[in-house]
């Protein structure tokens, strides 16, 4: 595998980590569905914003993580 594959892997890892807050927001929304004082609109807005932020590429972080993955592979002999 080369650096291009490492770059793709890094992007996937960052996206998965970025989607974790959205999962917690969905959990909070489902637990508070019967609570009349819970602001479901604000929670939905925050959830959508976290999903969008997770899908927007963080190019600097992706490059750093890809370089780390690549160097780990080179150091371990490509196993």
Protein backbone atom coordinates (compact mmCIF):
# COMPACT_ATOMS: atom_id res chain seq x y z
CA UNK A 1 0.00 0.00 0.00
CA UNK A 2 1.14 3.47 -0.74
CA UNK A 3 0.55 6.91 0.62
CA UNK A 4 -2.66 7.30 -1.42
CA UNK A 5 -4.26 4.35 0.38
CA UNK A 6 -3.03 5.71 3.71
CA UNK A 7 -4.62 9.06 2.85
CA UNK A 8 -7.95 7.34 2.14
CA UNK A 9 -7.73 5.37 5.38
CA UNK A 10 -6.96 8.52 7.36
CA UNK A 11 -9.96 10.29 5.84
CA UNK A 12 -12.22 7.38 6.77
CA UNK A 13 -10.91 7.30 10.35
CA UNK A 14 -11.43 11.04 10.79
CA UNK A 15 -14.96 10.80 9.37
CA UNK A 16 -15.86 7.99 11.76
CA UNK A 17 -14.48 9.89 14.73
CA UNK A 18 -16.34 13.01 13.59
CA UNK A 19 -19.65 11.13 13.42
CA UNK A 20 -19.49 10.09 17.09
CA UNK A 21 -21.02 13.35 18.39
CA UNK A 22 -23.92 12.94 15.97
CA UNK A 23 -24.60 9.49 17.39
CA UNK A 24 -24.71 10.89 20.92
CA UNK A 25 -27.08 13.65 19.82
CA UNK A 26 -29.42 11.08 18.26
CA UNK A 27 -29.28 9.09 21.50
CA UNK A 28 -30.15 12.18 23.53
CA UNK A 29 -32.99 13.02 21.15
CA UNK A 30 -34.53 9.57 21.45
CA UNK A 31 -34.26 9.58 25.23
CA UNK A 32 -36.00 12.98 25.47
CA UNK A 33 -38.80 12.48 22.94
CA UNK A 34 -41.50 12.61 25.62
CA UNK A 35 -39.96 15.54 27.50
CA UNK A 36 -41.99 18.66 26.58
CA UNK A 37 -39.21 21.00 27.76
CA UNK A 38 -36.55 19.46 25.49
CA UNK A 39 -35.70 21.62 22.48
CA UNK A 40 -35.79 19.05 19.69
CA UNK A 41 -35.20 21.70 17.00
CA UNK A 42 -31.92 22.81 18.57
CA UNK A 43 -30.82 19.20 19.01
CA UNK A 44 -31.65 18.41 15.38
CA UNK A 45 -29.74 21.49 14.24
CA UNK A 46 -26.71 20.52 16.33
CA UNK A 47 -26.89 16.96 14.98
CA UNK A 48 -27.00 18.11 11.38
CA UNK A 49 -24.13 20.52 11.99
CA UNK A 50 -21.99 17.78 13.52
CA UNK A 51 -22.70 15.48 10.56
CA UNK A 52 -21.72 18.21 8.10
CA UNK A 53 -18.54 18.96 10.06
CA UNK A 54 -17.67 15.25 10.03
CA UNK A 55 -18.06 15.01 6.27
CA UNK A 56 -16.09 18.17 5.45
CA UNK A 57 -12.52 17.09 4.80
CA UNK A 58 -9.99 18.28 7.36
CA UNK A 59 -7.07 18.24 4.96
CA UNK A 60 -4.35 19.13 7.45
CA UNK A 61 -5.38 16.52 9.99
CA UNK A 62 -5.88 13.96 7.22
CA UNK A 63 -2.35 14.55 5.90
CA UNK A 64 -0.82 14.26 9.37
CA UNK A 65 -2.69 11.03 10.11
CA UNK A 66 -1.86 9.62 6.67
CA UNK A 67 1.83 10.40 7.19
CA UNK A 68 1.72 8.70 10.60
CA UNK A 69 0.06 5.59 9.13
CA UNK A 70 2.59 5.54 6.29
CA UNK A 71 5.56 5.87 8.64
CA UNK A 72 4.22 3.14 10.91
CA UNK A 73 3.87 0.84 7.90
CA UNK A 74 7.37 1.64 6.68
CA UNK A 75 8.79 1.13 10.17
CA UNK A 76 7.09 -2.24 10.58
CA UNK A 77 8.24 -3.49 7.20
CA UNK A 78 4.90 -3.06 5.45
CA UNK A 79 3.07 -5.75 7.40
